[in-house]
Amino acid sequence: MKNLGHPSFFHVFDLLLGNTNPGLKLTSWTHDGVSWERERHSFSGSKHGLTIEIVTLTRTGKHGWSIMVVKEYWWAGKESKPIKSLRWAKPVSGQRNDILHWFRLQETTLSPRTEARSGQISLNPEAANAVQLPADSNTDA
């Protein structure tokens, strides 16, 4: 993982998101000392639609940090054809290297579990457009 914009960062992020919040049923939860908060904003009109997923991760204490990860999906027409997907991640506080260090540690612990569970987690952004996510709940894990 080179940086917060590299595809490998989003690969690890998607795996963590799927493993720590299966079905995206929670709006807030904790994993390995990091608090996660997920928001989803949607608009659907007669000619286009938009969904923005915002996940904020926060680690407190020494070398604490916070990062915002945003995924944006657009579709158009009566058949809701996907037309654009964007994703970005930006540190809100703390050091970028501390954030990357935590994600690299997570990547090493995910690798064996991911191979054993292959096929259970979809990383295809187009598939995410087709999935109707359940209504959010405010229950912590």
N, C-alpha and C. Protein backbone atom coordinates (compact mmCIF):
# COMPACT_ATOMS: atom_id res chain seq x y z
N MET A 1 0.86 -1.16 0.00
CA MET A 1 0.00 0.00 0.00
C MET A 1 0.91 1.23 0.00
N LYS A 2 0.83 2.00 -1.07
CA LYS A 2 1.71 3.15 -1.22
C LYS A 2 1.19 4.41 -0.53
N ASN A 3 -0.09 4.69 -0.71
CA ASN A 3 -0.66 5.91 -0.14
C ASN A 3 -2.18 5.77 -0.03
N LEU A 4 -2.84 6.81 0.45
CA LEU A 4 -4.28 6.76 0.68
C LEU A 4 -5.10 6.81 -0.61
N GLY A 5 -4.49 7.10 -1.73
CA GLY A 5 -5.21 7.13 -2.99
C GLY A 5 -4.99 5.90 -3.84
N HIS A 6 -4.10 5.01 -3.40
CA HIS A 6 -3.73 3.84 -4.18
C HIS A 6 -4.83 2.77 -4.11
N PRO A 7 -5.07 2.05 -5.20
CA PRO A 7 -6.09 1.00 -5.17
C PRO A 7 -5.90 -0.02 -4.05
N SER A 8 -4.66 -0.28 -3.67
CA SER A 8 -4.43 -1.25 -2.59
C SER A 8 -4.98 -0.74 -1.25
N PHE A 9 -4.97 0.57 -1.04
CA PHE A 9 -5.57 1.12 0.18
C PHE A 9 -7.07 0.83 0.19
N PHE A 10 -7.75 1.09 -0.92
CA PHE A 10 -9.19 0.88 -0.98
C PHE A 10 -9.53 -0.61 -0.92
N HIS A 11 -8.65 -1.46 -1.42
CA HIS A 11 -8.85 -2.90 -1.32
C HIS A 11 -8.87 -3.31 0.16
N VAL A 12 -7.88 -2.87 0.92
CA VAL A 12 -7.82 -3.19 2.35
C VAL A 12 -9.00 -2.56 3.08
N PHE A 13 -9.31 -1.32 2.76
CA PHE A 13 -10.45 -0.64 3.38
C PHE A 13 -11.74 -1.43 3.15
N ASP A 14 -11.99 -1.84 1.91
CA ASP A 14 -13.21 -2.59 1.59
C ASP A 14 -13.26 -3.92 2.33
N LEU A 15 -12.13 -4.61 2.43
CA LEU A 15 -12.09 -5.87 3.17
C LEU A 15 -12.39 -5.64 4.65
N LEU A 16 -11.78 -4.62 5.23
CA LEU A 16 -12.04 -4.29 6.64
C LEU A 16 -13.50 -3.93 6.86
N LEU A 17 -14.04 -3.11 5.99
CA LEU A 17 -15.43 -2.70 6.11
C LEU A 17 -16.35 -3.91 6.06
N GLY A 18 -16.11 -4.81 5.11
CA GLY A 18 -16.94 -6.00 4.98
C GLY A 18 -16.79 -6.97 6.14
N ASN A 19 -15.58 -7.11 6.66
CA ASN A 19 -15.33 -8.05 7.76
C ASN A 19 -15.81 -7.51 9.10
N THR A 20 -15.72 -6.22 9.30
CA THR A 20 -16.06 -5.65 10.61
C THR A 20 -17.52 -5.20 10.70
N ASN A 21 -18.19 -5.08 9.55
CA ASN A 21 -19.59 -4.66 9.53
C ASN A 21 -20.32 -5.40 8.40
N PRO A 22 -20.48 -6.72 8.56
CA PRO A 22 -21.12 -7.50 7.50
C PRO A 22 -22.52 -6.97 7.18
N GLY A 23 -22.79 -6.82 5.91
CA GLY A 23 -24.08 -6.31 5.47
C GLY A 23 -24.28 -4.82 5.70
N LEU A 24 -23.25 -4.15 6.20
CA LEU A 24 -23.30 -2.71 6.48
C LEU A 24 -24.53 -2.35 7.32
N LYS A 25 -24.80 -3.15 8.35
CA LYS A 25 -25.97 -2.94 9.19
C LYS A 25 -25.75 -1.91 10.29
N LEU A 26 -24.48 -1.68 10.66
CA LEU A 26 -24.17 -0.75 11.75
C LEU A 26 -23.77 0.62 11.21
N THR A 27 -24.07 1.66 11.97
CA THR A 27 -23.60 3.00 11.61
C THR A 27 -22.37 3.38 12.42
N SER A 28 -22.13 2.67 13.53
CA SER A 28 -20.89 2.91 14.29
C SER A 28 -20.47 1.61 14.96
N TRP A 29 -19.16 1.37 14.98
CA TRP A 29 -18.59 0.16 15.58
C TRP A 29 -17.11 0.40 15.83
N THR A 30 -16.47 -0.53 16.51
CA THR A 30 -15.05 -0.41 16.82
C THR A 30 -14.33 -1.67 16.36
N HIS A 31 -13.13 -1.46 15.82
CA HIS A 31 -12.28 -2.58 15.40
C HIS A 31 -10.83 -2.22 15.69
N ASP A 32 -10.17 -3.06 16.45
CA ASP A 32 -8.74 -2.94 16.75
C ASP A 32 -8.35 -1.53 17.19
N GLY A 33 -9.10 -0.98 18.13
CA GLY A 33 -8.79 0.32 18.70
C GLY A 33 -9.20 1.52 17.86
N VAL A 34 -9.91 1.27 16.77
CA VAL A 34 -10.34 2.35 15.88
C VAL A 34 -11.86 2.38 15.83
N SER A 35 -12.42 3.57 16.07
CA SER A 35 -13.88 3.77 15.97
C SER A 35 -14.24 4.08 14.53
N TRP A 36 -15.28 3.43 14.04
CA TRP A 36 -15.77 3.62 12.68
C TRP A 36 -17.16 4.24 12.76
N GLU A 37 -17.43 5.20 11.88
CA GLU A 37 -18.77 5.77 11.73
C GLU A 37 -19.09 5.83 10.25
N ARG A 38 -20.27 5.33 9.89
CA ARG A 38 -20.68 5.27 8.49
C ARG A 38 -21.96 6.07 8.27
N GLU A 39 -21.94 6.90 7.23
CA GLU A 39 -23.11 7.66 6.83
C GLU A 39 -23.39 7.38 5.36
N ARG A 40 -24.65 7.40 5.02
CA ARG A 40 -25.04 7.19 3.63
C ARG A 40 -26.05 8.27 3.25
N HIS A 41 -25.78 8.97 2.18
CA HIS A 41 -26.66 10.01 1.68
C HIS A 41 -27.06 9.63 0.25
N SER A 42 -28.35 9.68 -0.04
CA SER A 42 -28.83 9.28 -1.37
C SER A 42 -29.82 10.30 -1.92
N PHE A 43 -29.83 10.37 -3.23
CA PHE A 43 -30.83 11.15 -3.95
C PHE A 43 -31.21 10.33 -5.17
N SER A 44 -32.48 10.27 -5.46
CA SER A 44 -32.94 9.59 -6.65
C SER A 44 -33.99 10.46 -7.32
N GLY A 45 -33.70 10.86 -8.55
CA GLY A 45 -34.63 11.68 -9.32
C GLY A 45 -35.13 10.91 -10.52
N SER A 46 -35.88 11.59 -11.37
CA SER A 46 -36.44 10.92 -12.55
C SER A 46 -35.39 10.62 -13.61
N LYS A 47 -34.28 11.37 -13.60
CA LYS A 47 -33.26 11.18 -14.64
C LYS A 47 -31.90 10.74 -14.11
N HIS A 48 -31.69 10.86 -12.81
CA HIS A 48 -30.39 10.46 -12.28
C HIS A 48 -30.51 10.16 -10.78
N GLY A 49 -29.47 9.53 -10.27
CA GLY A 49 -29.40 9.24 -8.84
C GLY A 49 -27.98 9.37 -8.36
N LEU A 50 -27.83 9.51 -7.05
CA LEU A 50 -26.52 9.72 -6.44
C LEU A 50 -26.53 9.09 -5.05
N THR A 51 -25.48 8.39 -4.72
CA THR A 51 -25.29 7.89 -3.37
C THR A 51 -23.87 8.25 -2.94
N ILE A 52 -23.75 8.79 -1.73
CA ILE A 52 -22.45 9.10 -1.16
C ILE A 52 -22.33 8.33 0.15
N GLU A 53 -21.29 7.53 0.26
CA GLU A 53 -20.99 6.79 1.48
C GLU A 53 -19.78 7.47 2.12
N ILE A 54 -19.92 7.83 3.40
CA ILE A 54 -18.83 8.48 4.13
C ILE A 54 -18.53 7.64 5.35
N VAL A 55 -17.29 7.20 5.46
CA VAL A 55 -16.85 6.43 6.62
C VAL A 55 -15.72 7.20 7.27
N THR A 56 -15.88 7.49 8.55
CA THR A 56 -14.85 8.19 9.31
C THR A 56 -14.28 7.22 10.33
N LEU A 57 -12.97 7.06 10.30
CA LEU A 57 -12.26 6.20 11.24
C LEU A 57 -11.47 7.09 12.18
N THR A 58 -11.51 6.80 13.48
CA THR A 58 -10.82 7.62 14.48
C THR A 58 -10.09 6.73 15.46
N ARG A 59 -8.83 7.02 15.65
CA ARG A 59 -8.01 6.34 16.67
C ARG A 59 -7.56 7.40 17.66
N THR A 60 -7.85 7.16 18.94
CA THR A 60 -7.46 8.12 19.97
C THR A 60 -6.16 7.67 20.62
N GLY A 61 -5.63 8.54 21.49
CA GLY A 61 -4.41 8.22 22.22
C GLY A 61 -3.17 8.69 21.51
N LYS A 62 -2.04 8.17 21.99
CA LYS A 62 -0.75 8.52 21.38
C LYS A 62 -0.76 8.10 19.91
N HIS A 63 -0.30 8.95 19.06
CA HIS A 63 -0.31 8.75 17.61
C HIS A 63 -1.74 8.60 17.09
N GLY A 64 -2.70 9.29 17.72
CA GLY A 64 -4.08 9.25 17.29
C GLY A 64 -4.25 9.92 15.93
N TRP A 65 -5.32 9.56 15.27
CA TRP A 65 -5.60 10.09 13.94
C TRP A 65 -7.07 9.92 13.61
N SER A 66 -7.47 10.58 12.54
CA SER A 66 -8.82 10.44 12.00
C SER A 66 -8.72 10.55 10.48
N ILE A 67 -9.50 9.73 9.80
CA ILE A 67 -9.50 9.74 8.33
C ILE A 67 -10.94 9.64 7.84
N MET A 68 -11.22 10.32 6.75
CA MET A 68 -12.53 10.26 6.11
C MET A 68 -12.35 9.57 4.76
N VAL A 69 -13.17 8.54 4.53
CA VAL A 69 -13.15 7.81 3.26
C VAL A 69 -14.52 8.02 2.62
N VAL A 70 -14.50 8.50 1.38
CA VAL A 70 -15.74 8.84 0.68
C VAL A 70 -15.83 8.04 -0.61
N LYS A 71 -17.01 7.45 -0.83
CA LYS A 71 -17.30 6.77 -2.09
C LYS A 71 -18.58 7.38 -2.64
N GLU A 72 -18.52 7.75 -3.90
CA GLU A 72 -19.64 8.44 -4.55
C GLU A 72 -20.04 7.65 -5.79
N TYR A 73 -21.33 7.36 -5.93
CA TYR A 73 -21.83 6.60 -7.06
C TYR A 73 -22.94 7.39 -7.75
N TRP A 74 -22.85 7.52 -9.08
CA TRP A 74 -23.86 8.20 -9.89
C TRP A 74 -24.44 7.21 -10.89
N TRP A 75 -25.73 7.31 -11.16
CA TRP A 75 -26.35 6.53 -12.20
C TRP A 75 -27.39 7.40 -12.89
N ALA A 76 -27.77 6.99 -14.14
CA ALA A 76 -28.69 7.82 -14.92
C ALA A 76 -29.66 6.94 -15.71
N GLY A 77 -30.75 7.57 -16.10
CA GLY A 77 -31.75 6.93 -16.95
C GLY A 77 -32.72 6.07 -16.18
N LYS A 78 -33.77 5.65 -16.89
CA LYS A 78 -34.80 4.81 -16.28
C LYS A 78 -34.23 3.47 -15.83
N GLU A 79 -33.19 3.01 -16.52
CA GLU A 79 -32.60 1.72 -16.17
C GLU A 79 -31.48 1.85 -15.13
N SER A 80 -31.29 3.05 -14.61
CA SER A 80 -30.28 3.33 -13.57
C SER A 80 -28.89 2.81 -13.95
N LYS A 81 -28.46 3.18 -15.13
CA LYS A 81 -27.15 2.76 -15.62
C LYS A 81 -26.05 3.51 -14.87
N PRO A 82 -25.07 2.79 -14.28
CA PRO A 82 -23.96 3.47 -13.59
C PRO A 82 -23.18 4.35 -14.58
N ILE A 83 -22.92 5.60 -14.18
CA ILE A 83 -22.19 6.50 -15.09
C ILE A 83 -20.88 7.01 -14.48
N LYS A 84 -20.76 7.01 -13.17
CA LYS A 84 -19.52 7.51 -12.57
C LYS A 84 -19.41 7.02 -11.13
N SER A 85 -18.18 6.65 -10.75
CA SER A 85 -17.88 6.29 -9.37
C SER A 85 -16.59 6.98 -8.98
N LEU A 86 -16.61 7.62 -7.83
CA LEU A 86 -15.43 8.29 -7.30
C LEU A 86 -15.13 7.75 -5.91
N ARG A 87 -13.88 7.77 -5.51
CA ARG A 87 -13.51 7.42 -4.14
C ARG A 87 -12.26 8.20 -3.76
N TRP A 88 -12.24 8.61 -2.50
CA TRP A 88 -11.08 9.33 -2.01
C TRP A 88 -10.99 9.16 -0.51
N ALA A 89 -9.80 9.37 0.01
CA ALA A 89 -9.56 9.29 1.45
C ALA A 89 -8.68 10.47 1.84
N LYS A 90 -9.01 11.08 2.97
CA LYS A 90 -8.28 12.28 3.41
C LYS A 90 -8.12 12.24 4.92
N PRO A 91 -6.89 12.40 5.41
CA PRO A 91 -6.71 12.52 6.86
C PRO A 91 -7.40 13.78 7.38
N VAL A 92 -8.12 13.64 8.49
CA VAL A 92 -8.77 14.78 9.12
C VAL A 92 -7.87 15.30 10.23
N SER A 93 -7.18 14.38 10.90
CA SER A 93 -6.23 14.76 11.95
C SER A 93 -5.17 13.67 12.07
N GLY A 94 -4.05 14.01 12.67
CA GLY A 94 -2.98 13.05 12.87
C GLY A 94 -2.04 12.98 11.68
N GLN A 95 -1.12 12.03 11.79
CA GLN A 95 -0.10 11.86 10.76
C GLN A 95 -0.49 10.78 9.75
N ARG A 96 -0.31 11.09 8.50
CA ARG A 96 -0.62 10.15 7.40
C ARG A 96 0.13 8.82 7.60
N ASN A 97 1.39 8.89 8.03
CA ASN A 97 2.17 7.67 8.22
C ASN A 97 1.59 6.78 9.30
N ASP A 98 1.02 7.36 10.37
CA ASP A 98 0.38 6.56 11.42
C ASP A 98 -0.86 5.85 10.88
N ILE A 99 -1.59 6.53 10.03
CA ILE A 99 -2.78 5.93 9.41
C ILE A 99 -2.38 4.77 8.51
N LEU A 100 -1.41 5.01 7.65
CA LEU A 100 -0.94 3.96 6.74
C LEU A 100 -0.37 2.78 7.51
N HIS A 101 0.34 3.05 8.60
CA HIS A 101 0.90 1.97 9.42
C HIS A 101 -0.22 1.07 9.94
N TRP A 102 -1.30 1.66 10.46
CA TRP A 102 -2.41 0.87 10.98
C TRP A 102 -3.05 0.03 9.87
N PHE A 103 -3.25 0.62 8.70
CA PHE A 103 -3.84 -0.13 7.60
C PHE A 103 -2.91 -1.24 7.10
N ARG A 104 -1.61 -1.00 7.11
CA ARG A 104 -0.67 -2.06 6.71
C ARG A 104 -0.70 -3.22 7.70
N LEU A 105 -0.81 -2.92 8.99
CA LEU A 105 -0.94 -3.98 9.99
C LEU A 105 -2.23 -4.78 9.75
N GLN A 106 -3.31 -4.09 9.46
CA GLN A 106 -4.58 -4.75 9.18
C GLN A 106 -4.47 -5.63 7.94
N GLU A 107 -3.75 -5.15 6.96
CA GLU A 107 -3.58 -5.90 5.71
C GLU A 107 -2.90 -7.24 5.98
N THR A 108 -1.89 -7.24 6.85
CA THR A 108 -1.18 -8.49 7.14
C THR A 108 -2.06 -9.47 7.90
N THR A 109 -2.96 -8.98 8.75
CA THR A 109 -3.83 -9.89 9.48
C THR A 109 -5.02 -10.35 8.63
N LEU A 110 -5.39 -9.57 7.62
CA LEU A 110 -6.50 -9.93 6.75
C LEU A 110 -6.12 -10.99 5.72
N SER A 111 -4.89 -11.00 5.27
CA SER A 111 -4.49 -11.87 4.16
C SER A 111 -4.87 -13.33 4.34
N PRO A 112 -4.54 -13.98 5.45
CA PRO A 112 -4.91 -15.40 5.58
C PRO A 112 -6.43 -15.60 5.63
N ARG A 113 -7.15 -14.73 6.36
CA ARG A 113 -8.60 -14.85 6.47
C ARG A 113 -9.27 -14.59 5.14
N THR A 114 -8.74 -13.66 4.37
CA THR A 114 -9.34 -13.31 3.09
C THR A 114 -9.25 -14.48 2.12
N GLU A 115 -8.09 -15.15 2.08
CA GLU A 115 -7.93 -16.29 1.19
C GLU A 115 -8.89 -17.41 1.57
N ALA A 116 -9.09 -17.64 2.86
CA ALA A 116 -9.96 -18.71 3.33
C ALA A 116 -11.42 -18.40 3.03
N ARG A 117 -11.78 -17.11 2.97
CA ARG A 117 -13.17 -16.70 2.77
C ARG A 117 -13.41 -16.15 1.37
N SER A 118 -12.54 -16.46 0.45
CA SER A 118 -12.68 -15.88 -0.90
C SER A 118 -14.06 -16.16 -1.46
N GLY A 119 -14.58 -15.18 -2.16
CA GLY A 119 -15.90 -15.29 -2.75
C GLY A 119 -17.00 -14.71 -1.88
N GLN A 120 -16.72 -14.40 -0.62
CA GLN A 120 -17.74 -13.87 0.26
C GLN A 120 -17.81 -12.35 0.23
N ILE A 121 -16.73 -11.70 -0.17
CA ILE A 121 -16.69 -10.25 -0.15
C ILE A 121 -16.51 -9.75 -1.58
N SER A 122 -17.41 -8.89 -2.02
CA SER A 122 -17.32 -8.31 -3.35
C SER A 122 -16.60 -6.98 -3.28
N LEU A 123 -15.56 -6.85 -4.09
CA LEU A 123 -14.84 -5.58 -4.14
C LEU A 123 -15.17 -4.82 -5.42
N ASN A 124 -16.11 -5.30 -6.18
CA ASN A 124 -16.49 -4.70 -7.43
C ASN A 124 -17.36 -3.46 -7.16
N PRO A 125 -16.86 -2.25 -7.48
CA PRO A 125 -17.65 -1.05 -7.21
C PRO A 125 -18.96 -1.02 -7.98
N GLU A 126 -19.03 -1.66 -9.14
CA GLU A 126 -20.28 -1.69 -9.89
C GLU A 126 -21.33 -2.52 -9.15
N ALA A 127 -20.88 -3.59 -8.48
CA ALA A 127 -21.81 -4.42 -7.71
C ALA A 127 -22.38 -3.62 -6.54
N ALA A 128 -21.60 -2.72 -5.99
CA ALA A 128 -22.08 -1.91 -4.87
C ALA A 128 -23.23 -1.02 -5.30
N ASN A 129 -23.25 -0.62 -6.57
CA ASN A 129 -24.34 0.21 -7.06
C ASN A 129 -25.66 -0.55 -7.08
N ALA A 130 -25.59 -1.85 -7.35
CA ALA A 130 -26.79 -2.64 -7.51
C ALA A 130 -27.36 -3.10 -6.17
N VAL A 131 -26.59 -3.06 -5.13
CA VAL A 131 -27.03 -3.56 -3.83
C VAL A 131 -27.85 -2.50 -3.11
N GLN A 132 -29.00 -2.89 -2.63
CA GLN A 132 -29.80 -2.00 -1.79
C GLN A 132 -29.35 -2.20 -0.36
N LEU A 133 -28.74 -1.21 0.22
CA LEU A 133 -28.25 -1.33 1.58
C LEU A 133 -29.40 -1.17 2.56
N PRO A 134 -29.35 -1.94 3.67
CA PRO A 134 -30.43 -1.84 4.65
C PRO A 134 -30.42 -0.50 5.35
N ALA A 135 -31.54 -0.16 5.97
CA ALA A 135 -31.63 1.07 6.75
C ALA A 135 -30.62 1.03 7.87
N ASP A 136 -29.99 2.14 8.14
CA ASP A 136 -28.97 2.21 9.17
C ASP A 136 -29.56 2.03 10.55
N SER A 137 -28.76 1.44 11.43
CA SER A 137 -29.13 1.36 12.84
C SER A 137 -27.99 1.95 13.63
N ASN A 138 -28.25 2.41 14.82
CA ASN A 138 -27.22 3.02 15.65
C ASN A 138 -26.74 2.07 16.72
N THR A 139 -26.70 0.79 16.44
CA THR A 139 -26.27 -0.21 17.41
C THR A 139 -24.79 -0.47 17.26
N ASP A 140 -24.06 -0.41 18.35
CA ASP A 140 -22.63 -0.74 18.32
C ASP A 140 -22.45 -2.24 18.37
N ALA A 141 -21.34 -2.70 17.77
CA ALA A 141 -21.02 -4.13 17.82
C ALA A 141 -20.38 -4.46 19.14
